[in-house]
Amino acid sequence: MPVEVEDIRNQFESSAFFSHIGFEIIRFEEGNVIIKLNIEEHLLNVNGTLHGGIHATMLDTILGMVTRSVTKSKVVTTSLTVHYLASISSGELFAEAKVLQKGYKIAFTEGEIKDAEGNIIAKGTGIFKIIRDK
């Protein structure tokens, strides 16, 4: 039985980790996924800015989500590169991504995080192993 995009969305929305961080799905279509994060005080580092691990987590999440929406398969991150471009302390962040290349076993994906005004806060790329059901 083929996996539907709505099933994949539901898996993310029911994930304890996804909700613990505070992610919200704005759009979830095949190849077109946007998530949102309201910056909360507990996500800030000792400098009072969003912790770099949250940037990485948000990018890893959006890259994996869009890859799953395209492949309709589970995926595992094998490589994640994050470029931190600006700091932020409050407001909302939005992340989106696209699959640049998809083979049978791996996919290469890129994404970015923007603030509410559209300023790029971070960019990233990921390589994902596609887990095919046997």
Protein backbone atom coordinates (compact mmCIF):
# COMPACT_ATOMS: atom_id res chain seq x y z
CA MET A 1 0.00 0.00 0.00
CA PRO A 2 1.57 3.34 -1.05
CA VAL A 3 2.28 5.99 1.57
CA GLU A 4 0.33 9.21 1.15
CA VAL A 5 1.73 12.69 1.79
CA GLU A 6 -0.92 13.23 4.48
CA ASP A 7 0.31 10.11 6.32
CA ILE A 8 3.85 11.52 6.38
CA ARG A 9 2.57 14.89 7.64
CA ASN A 10 0.68 13.13 10.43
CA GLN A 11 3.82 11.25 11.48
CA PHE A 12 5.69 14.52 11.95
CA GLU A 13 2.81 16.26 13.71
CA SER A 14 2.47 13.38 16.17
CA SER A 15 6.23 13.30 16.91
CA ALA A 16 7.01 14.22 20.53
CA PHE A 17 10.34 15.77 19.46
CA PHE A 18 8.71 17.87 16.74
CA SER A 19 6.19 19.34 19.18
CA HIS A 20 8.75 19.67 22.00
CA ILE A 21 10.90 22.00 19.89
CA GLY A 22 7.77 23.92 18.87
CA PHE A 23 7.65 23.34 15.13
CA GLU A 24 4.41 23.95 13.28
CA ILE A 25 3.63 22.77 9.74
CA ILE A 26 2.44 25.63 7.54
CA ARG A 27 2.37 23.67 4.27
CA PHE A 28 2.91 20.00 3.51
CA GLU A 29 2.63 18.99 -0.13
CA GLU A 30 4.83 16.80 -2.28
CA GLY A 31 8.09 18.74 -2.70
CA ASN A 32 6.64 21.84 -1.02
CA VAL A 33 6.96 21.94 2.78
CA ILE A 34 7.16 24.95 5.08
CA ILE A 35 7.53 24.82 8.85
CA LYS A 36 7.41 27.62 11.42
CA LEU A 37 9.07 28.12 14.78
CA ASN A 38 8.20 30.78 17.34
CA ILE A 39 11.42 31.69 19.12
CA GLU A 40 10.96 31.08 22.84
CA GLU A 41 13.35 32.01 25.64
CA HIS A 42 14.30 28.38 26.37
CA LEU A 43 15.71 28.11 22.81
CA LEU A 44 18.23 30.93 23.32
CA ASN A 45 21.92 30.48 24.10
CA VAL A 46 23.95 32.34 26.75
CA ASN A 47 24.34 35.28 24.35
CA GLY A 48 20.55 35.68 24.19
CA THR A 49 20.31 34.54 20.56
CA LEU A 50 18.81 31.41 19.05
CA HIS A 51 21.08 28.45 19.79
CA GLY A 52 22.90 27.11 16.72
CA GLY A 53 21.62 23.64 17.51
CA ILE A 54 18.09 24.88 16.89
CA HIS A 55 19.10 26.18 13.46
CA ALA A 56 20.62 22.78 12.69
CA THR A 57 17.59 20.95 14.04
CA MET A 58 15.21 23.08 12.00
CA LEU A 59 17.23 22.53 8.81
CA ASP A 60 17.60 18.79 9.41
CA THR A 61 13.86 18.57 10.01
CA ILE A 62 12.75 20.53 6.94
CA LEU A 63 15.27 18.75 4.69
CA GLY A 64 14.06 15.36 5.90
CA MET A 65 10.41 16.35 5.60
CA VAL A 66 10.67 17.51 2.00
CA THR A 67 12.75 14.46 1.07
CA ARG A 68 10.12 12.16 2.59
CA SER A 69 7.34 14.05 0.79
CA VAL A 70 9.04 13.33 -2.53
CA THR A 71 10.30 9.78 -1.95
CA LYS A 72 7.29 8.57 0.11
CA SER A 73 9.87 6.59 2.10
CA LYS A 74 11.59 6.93 5.43
CA VAL A 75 14.94 8.68 5.20
CA VAL A 76 18.02 8.96 7.39
CA THR A 77 20.37 11.95 7.43
CA THR A 78 23.88 10.89 6.45
CA SER A 79 25.33 14.39 6.13
CA LEU A 80 24.17 17.84 7.22
CA THR A 81 25.95 21.12 6.51
CA VAL A 82 24.74 24.31 8.16
CA HIS A 83 25.73 27.88 7.30
CA TYR A 84 24.83 30.41 10.00
CA LEU A 85 24.23 33.77 8.34
CA ALA A 86 22.56 35.94 10.99
CA SER A 87 21.62 35.82 14.64
CA ILE A 88 18.09 36.28 15.92
CA SER A 89 16.61 36.58 19.39
CA SER A 90 12.85 36.80 18.94
CA GLY A 91 10.03 36.47 16.46
CA GLU A 92 9.14 33.72 14.03
CA LEU A 93 11.27 31.61 11.73
CA PHE A 94 10.17 29.81 8.58
CA ALA A 95 12.04 26.99 6.87
CA GLU A 96 11.59 25.45 3.45
CA ALA A 97 13.65 23.14 1.29
CA LYS A 98 13.84 21.39 -2.04
CA VAL A 99 15.23 18.13 -3.28
CA LEU A 100 17.97 18.90 -5.79
CA GLN A 101 18.71 15.33 -6.82
CA LYS A 102 17.11 12.00 -5.99
CA GLY A 103 18.46 8.59 -6.80
CA TYR A 104 17.23 5.19 -5.73
CA LYS A 105 19.33 5.11 -2.55
CA ILE A 106 20.17 8.74 -1.74
CA ALA A 107 18.81 12.25 -2.14
CA PHE A 108 20.55 15.63 -1.98
CA THR A 109 18.47 18.44 -0.49
CA GLU A 110 18.96 22.13 0.32
CA GLY A 111 16.99 24.50 2.50
CA GLU A 112 16.94 27.80 4.28
CA ILE A 113 15.55 29.48 7.35
CA LYS A 114 14.12 33.00 7.08
CA ASP A 115 12.71 35.42 9.58
CA ALA A 116 9.23 36.95 9.21
CA GLU A 117 10.64 39.75 7.01
CA GLY A 118 12.26 37.27 4.62
CA ASN A 119 15.85 37.74 5.78
CA ILE A 120 17.91 34.57 5.47
CA ILE A 121 19.10 33.41 8.90
CA ALA A 122 20.68 30.07 7.92
CA LYS A 123 21.11 27.79 4.92
CA GLY A 124 21.91 24.12 4.78
CA THR A 125 22.30 21.04 2.67
CA GLY A 126 21.78 17.42 3.49
CA ILE A 127 22.32 13.99 2.05
CA PHE A 128 19.68 11.43 2.95
CA LYS A 129 19.69 7.67 2.66
CA ILE A 130 16.32 6.48 1.37
CA ILE A 131 14.99 3.52 3.36
CA ARG A 132 13.04 1.33 0.96
CA ASP A 133 10.54 -1.18 2.31
CA LYS A 134 11.41 -4.73 1.31
